[in-house]
Amino acid sequence: DKIVLARCAYYFRLVGLDLGSLSTRVFAGATLEAGNAYQWDDPVTFDSLRLGGAAFVGAHTAIGPIYLAYGYTEPGRNRVYFSVGQIF
């Protein structure tokens, strides 16, 4: 019935990295996140939040944005994400 999410993200351009005509900008970054889904009458407490984060690299290319990320979430779940292009 309700979802709580807080996210803090930071990314920066990798200035010295040149991929030639493949890419115009390359960047890297990380996120820290906390959230959960609750029934409407359930209290939201810090102890009930699930914590997680991710580290990523990406580039703006001729075929759209490309990024590769590694994410970790409590309790011990991790994933690797790869995305090309964007959803219209």
PDB file of N, CA and C in Angstrom:
ATOM      1  N   ASP A   1       0.787  -1.194   0.000  1.00  0.00           N
ATOM      2  CA  ASP A   1       0.000   0.000   0.000  1.00  0.00           C
ATOM      3  C   ASP A   1       0.839   1.274   0.000  1.00  0.00           C
ATOM      4  N   LYS A   2       2.078   1.198   0.509  1.00  0.00           N
ATOM      5  CA  LYS A   2       2.967   2.367   0.452  1.00  0.00           C
ATOM      6  C   LYS A   2       4.401   1.909   0.282  1.00  0.00           C
ATOM      7  N   ILE A   3       5.174   2.737  -0.372  1.00  0.00           N
ATOM      8  CA  ILE A   3       6.590   2.453  -0.626  1.00  0.00           C
ATOM      9  C   ILE A   3       7.398   3.637  -0.131  1.00  0.00           C
ATOM     10  N   VAL A   4       8.481   3.339   0.558  1.00  0.00           N
ATOM     11  CA  VAL A   4       9.393   4.370   1.047  1.00  0.00           C
ATOM     12  C   VAL A   4      10.743   4.124   0.394  1.00  0.00           C
ATOM     13  N   LEU A   5      11.335   5.175  -0.189  1.00  0.00           N
ATOM     14  CA  LEU A   5      12.644   5.042  -0.825  1.00  0.00           C
ATOM     15  C   LEU A   5      13.433   6.333  -0.647  1.00  0.00           C
ATOM     16  N   ALA A   6      14.668   6.178  -0.213  1.00  0.00           N
ATOM     17  CA  ALA A   6      15.605   7.303  -0.146  1.00  0.00           C
ATOM     18  C   ALA A   6      16.860   6.883  -0.901  1.00  0.00           C
ATOM     19  N   ARG A   7      17.364   7.774  -1.749  1.00  0.00           N
ATOM     20  CA  ARG A   7      18.542   7.442  -2.552  1.00  0.00           C
ATOM     21  C   ARG A   7      19.481   8.640  -2.580  1.00  0.00           C
ATOM     22  N   CYS A   8      20.755   8.331  -2.407  1.00  0.00           N
ATOM     23  CA  CYS A   8      21.796   9.341  -2.543  1.00  0.00           C
ATOM     24  C   CYS A   8      22.737   8.845  -3.639  1.00  0.00           C
ATOM     25  N   ALA A   9      22.952   9.649  -4.663  1.00  0.00           N
ATOM     26  CA  ALA A   9      23.778   9.235  -5.790  1.00  0.00           C
ATOM     27  C   ALA A   9      24.849  10.278  -6.066  1.00  0.00           C
ATOM     28  N   TYR A  10      25.992   9.786  -6.525  1.00  0.00           N
ATOM     29  CA  TYR A  10      27.088  10.672  -6.916  1.00  0.00           C
ATOM     30  C   TYR A  10      27.729  10.083  -8.161  1.00  0.00           C
ATOM     31  N   TYR A  11      27.947  10.920  -9.167  1.00  0.00           N
ATOM     32  CA  TYR A  11      28.704  10.454 -10.328  1.00  0.00           C
ATOM     33  C   TYR A  11      29.549  11.598 -10.869  1.00  0.00           C
ATOM     34  N   PHE A  12      30.571  11.216 -11.618  1.00  0.00           N
ATOM     35  CA  PHE A  12      31.511  12.202 -12.147  1.00  0.00           C
ATOM     36  C   PHE A  12      31.993  11.755 -13.516  1.00  0.00           C
ATOM     37  N   ARG A  13      32.383  12.708 -14.315  1.00  0.00           N
ATOM     38  CA  ARG A  13      32.883  12.436 -15.659  1.00  0.00           C
ATOM     39  C   ARG A  13      34.337  11.993 -15.578  1.00  0.00           C
ATOM     40  N   LEU A  14      34.661  10.945 -16.307  1.00  0.00           N
ATOM     41  CA  LEU A  14      36.045  10.455 -16.401  1.00  0.00           C
ATOM     42  C   LEU A  14      36.714  11.220 -17.533  1.00  0.00           C
ATOM     43  N   VAL A  15      37.373  12.308 -17.199  1.00  0.00           N
ATOM     44  CA  VAL A  15      37.900  13.243 -18.193  1.00  0.00           C
ATOM     45  C   VAL A  15      39.028  12.639 -19.020  1.00  0.00           C
ATOM     46  N   GLY A  16      39.929  11.891 -18.421  1.00  0.00           N
ATOM     47  CA  GLY A  16      41.086  11.381 -19.142  1.00  0.00           C
ATOM     48  C   GLY A  16      40.810  10.155 -19.991  1.00  0.00           C
ATOM     49  N   LEU A  17      39.602   9.606 -19.939  1.00  0.00           N
ATOM     50  CA  LEU A  17      39.276   8.385 -20.672  1.00  0.00           C
ATOM     51  C   LEU A  17      38.667   8.740 -22.023  1.00  0.00           C
ATOM     52  N   ASP A  18      39.298   8.288 -23.117  1.00  0.00           N
ATOM     53  CA  ASP A  18      38.826   8.593 -24.462  1.00  0.00           C
ATOM     54  C   ASP A  18      38.501   7.294 -25.182  1.00  0.00           C
ATOM     55  N   LEU A  19      37.259   7.148 -25.628  1.00  0.00           N
ATOM     56  CA  LEU A  19      36.853   5.975 -26.399  1.00  0.00           C
ATOM     57  C   LEU A  19      36.686   6.306 -27.877  1.00  0.00           C
ATOM     58  N   GLY A  20      37.299   7.384 -28.317  1.00  0.00           N
ATOM     59  CA  GLY A  20      37.244   7.777 -29.725  1.00  0.00           C
ATOM     60  C   GLY A  20      35.850   8.200 -30.137  1.00  0.00           C
ATOM     61  N   SER A  21      35.457   7.832 -31.334  1.00  0.00           N
ATOM     62  CA  SER A  21      34.145   8.234 -31.843  1.00  0.00           C
ATOM     63  C   SER A  21      33.009   7.422 -31.231  1.00  0.00           C
ATOM     64  N   LEU A  22      33.334   6.378 -30.457  1.00  0.00           N
ATOM     65  CA  LEU A  22      32.310   5.557 -29.824  1.00  0.00           C
ATOM     66  C   LEU A  22      31.513   6.337 -28.788  1.00  0.00           C
ATOM     67  N   SER A  23      32.177   7.224 -28.064  1.00  0.00           N
ATOM     68  CA  SER A  23      31.521   7.874 -26.937  1.00  0.00           C
ATOM     69  C   SER A  23      31.863   9.349 -26.859  1.00  0.00           C
ATOM     70  N   THR A  24      30.901  10.133 -26.383  1.00  0.00           N
ATOM     71  CA  THR A  24      31.149  11.554 -26.165  1.00  0.00           C
ATOM     72  C   THR A  24      31.487  11.861 -24.711  1.00  0.00           C
ATOM     73  N   ARG A  25      30.913  11.101 -23.776  1.00  0.00           N
ATOM     74  CA  ARG A  25      31.185  11.295 -22.349  1.00  0.00           C
ATOM     75  C   ARG A  25      31.176   9.952 -21.629  1.00  0.00           C
ATOM     76  N   VAL A  26      32.130   9.748 -20.746  1.00  0.00           N
ATOM     77  CA  VAL A  26      32.213   8.534 -19.930  1.00  0.00           C
ATOM     78  C   VAL A  26      32.163   8.974 -18.476  1.00  0.00           C
ATOM     79  N   PHE A  27      31.420   8.228 -17.647  1.00  0.00           N
ATOM     80  CA  PHE A  27      31.273   8.622 -16.261  1.00  0.00           C
ATOM     81  C   PHE A  27      31.273   7.395 -15.352  1.00  0.00           C
ATOM     82  N   ALA A  28      31.450   7.616 -14.047  1.00  0.00           N
ATOM     83  CA  ALA A  28      31.412   6.573 -13.028  1.00  0.00           C
ATOM     84  C   ALA A  28      30.710   7.146 -11.807  1.00  0.00           C
ATOM     85  N   GLY A  29      30.184   6.266 -10.970  1.00  0.00           N
ATOM     86  CA  GLY A  29      29.506   6.761  -9.790  1.00  0.00           C
ATOM     87  C   GLY A  29      29.061   5.656  -8.861  1.00  0.00           C
ATOM     88  N   ALA A  30      28.312   6.061  -7.826  1.00  0.00           N
ATOM     89  CA  ALA A  30      27.819   5.125  -6.818  1.00  0.00           C
ATOM     90  C   ALA A  30      26.515   5.658  -6.229  1.00  0.00           C
ATOM     91  N   THR A  31      25.710   4.740  -5.689  1.00  0.00           N
ATOM     92  CA  THR A  31      24.481   5.110  -5.005  1.00  0.00           C
ATOM     93  C   THR A  31      24.411   4.399  -3.660  1.00  0.00           C
ATOM     94  N   LEU A  32      23.736   5.009  -2.715  1.00  0.00           N
ATOM     95  CA  LEU A  32      23.355   4.393  -1.448  1.00  0.00           C
ATOM     96  C   LEU A  32      21.845   4.542  -1.346  1.00  0.00           C
ATOM     97  N   GLU A  33      21.153   3.454  -0.961  1.00  0.00           N
ATOM     98  CA  GLU A  33      19.696   3.467  -0.961  1.00  0.00           C
ATOM     99  C   GLU A  33      19.135   2.790   0.278  1.00  0.00           C
ATOM    100  N   ALA A  34      17.947   3.210   0.685  1.00  0.00           N
ATOM    101  CA  ALA A  34      17.205   2.575   1.774  1.00  0.00           C
ATOM    102  C   ALA A  34      15.727   2.643   1.414  1.00  0.00           C
ATOM    103  N   GLY A  35      15.014   1.544   1.629  1.00  0.00           N
ATOM    104  CA  GLY A  35      13.596   1.548   1.315  1.00  0.00           C
ATOM    105  C   GLY A  35      12.932   0.231   1.636  1.00  0.00           C
ATOM    106  N   ASN A  36      11.613   0.207   1.469  1.00  0.00           N
ATOM    107  CA  ASN A  36      10.831  -1.004   1.672  1.00  0.00           C
ATOM    108  C   ASN A  36       9.395  -0.722   1.259  1.00  0.00           C
ATOM    109  N   ALA A  37       8.592  -1.786   1.156  1.00  0.00           N
ATOM    110  CA  ALA A  37       7.161  -1.665   0.874  1.00  0.00           C
ATOM    111  C   ALA A  37       6.410  -2.095   2.132  1.00  0.00           C
ATOM    112  N   TYR A  38       5.322  -1.381   2.434  1.00  0.00           N
ATOM    113  CA  TYR A  38       4.579  -1.596   3.677  1.00  0.00           C
ATOM    114  C   TYR A  38       3.086  -1.641   3.407  1.00  0.00           C
ATOM    115  N   GLN A  39       2.377  -2.310   4.302  1.00  0.00           N
ATOM    116  CA  GLN A  39       0.925  -2.176   4.347  1.00  0.00           C
ATOM    117  C   GLN A  39       0.626  -0.770   4.837  1.00  0.00           C
ATOM    118  N   TRP A  40      -0.541  -0.239   4.493  1.00  0.00           N
ATOM    119  CA  TRP A  40      -0.859   1.148   4.809  1.00  0.00           C
ATOM    120  C   TRP A  40      -0.737   1.463   6.301  1.00  0.00           C
ATOM    121  N   ASP A  41      -1.129   0.544   7.176  1.00  0.00           N
ATOM    122  CA  ASP A  41      -1.111   0.821   8.614  1.00  0.00           C
ATOM    123  C   ASP A  41       0.175   0.364   9.306  1.00  0.00           C
ATOM    124  N   ASP A  42       1.134  -0.194   8.569  1.00  0.00           N
ATOM    125  CA  ASP A  42       2.416  -0.596   9.168  1.00  0.00           C
ATOM    126  C   ASP A  42       3.291   0.626   9.389  1.00  0.00           C
ATOM    127  N   PRO A  43       3.960   0.698  10.539  1.00  0.00           N
ATOM    128  CA  PRO A  43       4.857   1.838  10.780  1.00  0.00           C
ATOM    129  C   PRO A  43       6.155   1.702   9.983  1.00  0.00           C
ATOM    130  N   VAL A  44       6.692   2.812   9.539  1.00  0.00           N
ATOM    131  CA  VAL A  44       7.985   2.832   8.866  1.00  0.00           C
ATOM    132  C   VAL A  44       9.037   3.131   9.924  1.00  0.00           C
ATOM    133  N   THR A  45       9.938   2.179  10.137  1.00  0.00           N
ATOM    134  CA  THR A  45      11.008   2.367  11.114  1.00  0.00           C
ATOM    135  C   THR A  45      12.351   2.154  10.425  1.00  0.00           C
ATOM    136  N   PHE A  46      13.402   2.705  11.014  1.00  0.00           N
ATOM    137  CA  PHE A  46      14.728   2.539  10.429  1.00  0.00           C
ATOM    138  C   PHE A  46      15.106   1.063  10.354  1.00  0.00           C
ATOM    139  N   ASP A  47      14.768   0.293  11.378  1.00  0.00           N
ATOM    140  CA  ASP A  47      15.119  -1.139  11.399  1.00  0.00           C
ATOM    141  C   ASP A  47      14.414  -1.939  10.311  1.00  0.00           C
ATOM    142  N   SER A  48      13.270  -1.447   9.815  1.00  0.00           N
ATOM    143  CA  SER A  48      12.540  -2.184   8.785  1.00  0.00           C
ATOM    144  C   SER A  48      13.005  -1.848   7.367  1.00  0.00           C
ATOM    145  N   LEU A  49      13.857  -0.842   7.206  1.00  0.00           N
ATOM    146  CA  LEU A  49      14.335  -0.465   5.876  1.00  0.00           C
ATOM    147  C   LEU A  49      15.372  -1.462   5.373  1.00  0.00           C
ATOM    148  N   ARG A  50      15.339  -1.739   4.095  1.00  0.00           N
ATOM    149  CA  ARG A  50      16.377  -2.555   3.457  1.00  0.00           C
ATOM    150  C   ARG A  50      17.412  -1.601   2.879  1.00  0.00           C
ATOM    151  N   LEU A  51      18.673  -1.889   3.154  1.00  0.00           N
ATOM    152  CA  LEU A  51      19.761  -1.029   2.710  1.00  0.00           C
ATOM    153  C   LEU A  51      20.449  -1.627   1.495  1.00  0.00           C
ATOM    154  N   GLY A  52      20.968  -0.782   0.630  1.00  0.00           N
ATOM    155  CA  GLY A  52      21.660  -1.267  -0.558  1.00  0.00           C
ATOM    156  C   GLY A  52      22.476  -0.164  -1.195  1.00  0.00           C
ATOM    157  N   GLY A  53      23.148  -0.537  -2.255  1.00  0.00           N
ATOM    158  CA  GLY A  53      23.954   0.430  -2.986  1.00  0.00           C
ATOM    159  C   GLY A  53      24.426  -0.162  -4.296  1.00  0.00           C
ATOM    160  N   ALA A  54      25.033   0.687  -5.104  1.00  0.00           N
ATOM    161  CA  ALA A  54      25.529   0.246  -6.403  1.00  0.00           C
ATOM    162  C   ALA A  54      26.731   1.086  -6.807  1.00  0.00           C
ATOM    163  N   ALA A  55      27.562   0.507  -7.647  1.00  0.00           N
ATOM    164  CA  ALA A  55      28.667   1.217  -8.291  1.00  0.00           C
ATOM    165  C   ALA A  55      28.492   1.012  -9.794  1.00  0.00           C
ATOM    166  N   PHE A  56      28.760   2.056 -10.589  1.00  0.00           N
ATOM    167  CA  PHE A  56      28.488   1.940 -12.014  1.00  0.00           C
ATOM    168  C   PHE A  56      29.473   2.751 -12.848  1.00  0.00           C
ATOM    169  N   VAL A  57      29.579   2.357 -14.124  1.00  0.00           N
ATOM    170  CA  VAL A  57      30.277   3.128 -15.156  1.00  0.00           C
ATOM    171  C   VAL A  57      29.331   3.207 -16.353  1.00  0.00           C
ATOM    172  N   GLY A  58      29.415   4.288 -17.085  1.00  0.00           N
ATOM    173  CA  GLY A  58      28.526   4.453 -18.229  1.00  0.00           C
ATOM    174  C   GLY A  58      29.107   5.401 -19.246  1.00  0.00           C
ATOM    175  N   ALA A  59      28.440   5.471 -20.399  1.00  0.00           N
ATOM    176  CA  ALA A  59      28.891   6.356 -21.472  1.00  0.00           C
ATOM    177  C   ALA A  59      27.698   6.792 -22.306  1.00  0.00           C
ATOM    178  N   HIS A  60      27.761   8.015 -22.811  1.00  0.00           N
ATOM    179  CA  HIS A  60      26.809   8.503 -23.801  1.00  0.00           C
ATOM    180  C   HIS A  60      27.410   8.147 -25.164  1.00  0.00           C
ATOM    181  N   THR A  61      26.715   7.328 -25.943  1.00  0.00           N
ATOM    182  CA  THR A  61      27.250   6.853 -27.221  1.00  0.00           C
ATOM    183  C   THR A  61      26.297   7.200 -28.365  1.00  0.00           C
ATOM    184  N   ALA A  62      26.728   6.890 -29.575  1.00  0.00           N
ATOM    185  CA  ALA A  62      25.913   7.135 -30.761  1.00  0.00           C
ATOM    186  C   ALA A  62      24.641   6.293 -30.764  1.00  0.00           C
ATOM    187  N   ILE A  63      24.626   5.151 -30.078  1.00  0.00           N
ATOM    188  CA  ILE A  63      23.436   4.292 -30.019  1.00  0.00           C
ATOM    189  C   ILE A  63      22.636   4.505 -28.737  1.00  0.00           C
ATOM    190  N   GLY A  64      22.988   5.519 -27.968  1.00  0.00           N
ATOM    191  CA  GLY A  64      22.284   5.814 -26.733  1.00  0.00           C
ATOM    192  C   GLY A  64      23.167   5.547 -25.527  1.00  0.00           C
ATOM    193  N   PRO A  65      22.616   5.731 -24.335  1.00  0.00           N
ATOM    194  CA  PRO A  65      23.410   5.503 -23.124  1.00  0.00           C
ATOM    195  C   PRO A  65      23.694   4.021 -22.910  1.00  0.00           C
ATOM    196  N   ILE A  66      24.895   3.742 -22.436  1.00  0.00           N
ATOM    197  CA  ILE A  66      25.305   2.381 -22.074  1.00  0.00           C
ATOM    198  C   ILE A  66      25.838   2.444 -20.656  1.00  0.00           C
ATOM    199  N   TYR A  67      25.416   1.487 -19.804  1.00  0.00           N
ATOM    200  CA  TYR A  67      26.027   1.443 -18.480  1.00  0.00           C
ATOM    201  C   TYR A  67      26.127   0.023 -17.959  1.00  0.00           C
ATOM    202  N   LEU A  68      27.087  -0.161 -17.068  1.00  0.00           N
ATOM    203  CA  LEU A  68      27.345  -1.418 -16.387  1.00  0.00           C
ATOM    204  C   LEU A  68      27.382  -1.102 -14.904  1.00  0.00           C
ATOM    205  N   ALA A  69      26.615  -1.853 -14.106  1.00  0.00           N
ATOM    206  CA  ALA A  69      26.533  -1.572 -12.677  1.00  0.00           C
ATOM    207  C   ALA A  69      26.589  -2.863 -11.867  1.00  0.00           C
ATOM    208  N   TYR A  70      27.089  -2.745 -10.652  1.00  0.00           N
ATOM    209  CA  TYR A  70      27.047  -3.822  -9.659  1.00  0.00           C
ATOM    210  C   TYR A  70      26.253  -3.296  -8.472  1.00  0.00           C
ATOM    211  N   GLY A  71      25.225  -4.038  -8.054  1.00  0.00           N
ATOM    212  CA  GLY A  71      24.411  -3.616  -6.931  1.00  0.00           C
ATOM    213  C   GLY A  71      24.383  -4.652  -5.831  1.00  0.00           C
ATOM    214  N   TYR A  72      24.292  -4.185  -4.604  1.00  0.00           N
ATOM    215  CA  TYR A  72      24.215  -5.059  -3.432  1.00  0.00           C
ATOM    216  C   TYR A  72      23.063  -4.595  -2.543  1.00  0.00           C
ATOM    217  N   THR A  73      22.262  -5.538  -2.065  1.00  0.00           N
ATOM    218  CA  THR A  73      21.143  -5.235  -1.188  1.00  0.00           C
ATOM    219  C   THR A  73      21.112  -6.235  -0.043  1.00  0.00           C
ATOM    220  N   GLU A  74      20.705  -5.773   1.132  1.00  0.00           N
ATOM    221  CA  GLU A  74      20.493  -6.691   2.251  1.00  0.00           C
ATOM    222  C   GLU A  74      19.366  -7.640   1.901  1.00  0.00           C
ATOM    223  N   PRO A  75      19.342  -8.825   2.317  1.00  0.00           N
ATOM    224  CA  PRO A  75      20.352  -9.576   3.057  1.00  0.00           C
ATOM    225  C   PRO A  75      21.245 -10.398   2.128  1.00  0.00           C
ATOM    226  N   GLY A  76      22.334  -9.857   1.686  1.00  0.00           N
ATOM    227  CA  GLY A  76      23.323 -10.574   0.890  1.00  0.00           C
ATOM    228  C   GLY A  76      22.947 -10.842  -0.552  1.00  0.00           C
ATOM    229  N   ARG A  77      22.151  -9.990  -1.150  1.00  0.00           N
ATOM    230  CA  ARG A  77      21.790 -10.166  -2.561  1.00  0.00           C
ATOM    231  C   ARG A  77      22.612  -9.204  -3.404  1.00  0.00           C
ATOM    232  N   ASN A  78      23.172  -9.708  -4.504  1.00  0.00           N
ATOM    233  CA  ASN A  78      23.929  -8.833  -5.396  1.00  0.00           C
ATOM    234  C   ASN A  78      23.589  -9.157  -6.843  1.00  0.00           C
ATOM    235  N   ARG A  79      23.753  -8.173  -7.693  1.00  0.00           N
ATOM    236  CA  ARG A  79      23.422  -8.308  -9.110  1.00  0.00           C
ATOM    237  C   ARG A  79      24.372  -7.465  -9.947  1.00  0.00           C
ATOM    238  N   VAL A  80      24.518  -7.866 -11.201  1.00  0.00           N
ATOM    239  CA  VAL A  80      25.236  -7.076 -12.194  1.00  0.00           C
ATOM    240  C   VAL A  80      24.217  -6.676 -13.253  1.00  0.00           C
ATOM    241  N   TYR A  81      24.226  -5.405 -13.625  1.00  0.00           N
ATOM    242  CA  TYR A  81      23.285  -4.863 -14.601  1.00  0.00           C
ATOM    243  C   TYR A  81      24.049  -4.322 -15.804  1.00  0.00           C
ATOM    244  N   PHE A  82      23.509  -4.572 -17.001  1.00  0.00           N
ATOM    245  CA  PHE A  82      24.069  -4.008 -18.222  1.00  0.00           C
ATOM    246  C   PHE A  82      22.905  -3.466 -19.042  1.00  0.00           C
ATOM    247  N   SER A  83      22.999  -2.238 -19.489  1.00  0.00           N
ATOM    248  CA  SER A  83      21.914  -1.625 -20.240  1.00  0.00           C
ATOM    249  C   SER A  83      22.460  -0.879 -21.445  1.00  0.00           C
ATOM    250  N   VAL A  84      21.765  -1.005 -22.566  1.00  0.00           N
ATOM    251  CA  VAL A  84      22.110  -0.287 -23.793  1.00  0.00           C
ATOM    252  C   VAL A  84      20.854   0.407 -24.295  1.00  0.00           C
ATOM    253  N   GLY A  85      20.969   1.693 -24.619  1.00  0.00           N
ATOM    254  CA  GLY A  85      19.843   2.454 -25.140  1.00  0.00           C
ATOM    255  C   GLY A  85      18.919   2.922 -24.043  1.00  0.00           C
ATOM    256  N   GLN A  86      17.758   3.413 -24.454  1.00  0.00           N
ATOM    257  CA  GLN A  86      16.793   3.927 -23.501  1.00  0.00           C
ATOM    258  C   GLN A  86      15.394   3.516 -23.910  1.00  0.00           C
ATOM    259  N   ILE A  87      14.486   3.561 -22.940  1.00  0.00           N
ATOM    260  CA  ILE A  87      13.094   3.206 -23.192  1.00  0.00           C
ATOM    261  C   ILE A  87      12.353   4.454 -23.635  1.00  0.00           C
ATOM    262  N   PHE A  88      11.600   4.334 -24.697  1.00  0.00           N
ATOM    263  CA  PHE A  88      10.838   5.481 -25.214  1.00  0.00           C
ATOM    264  C   PHE A  88       9.413   5.415 -24.745  1.00  0.00           C
TER     265      PHE A  88
END
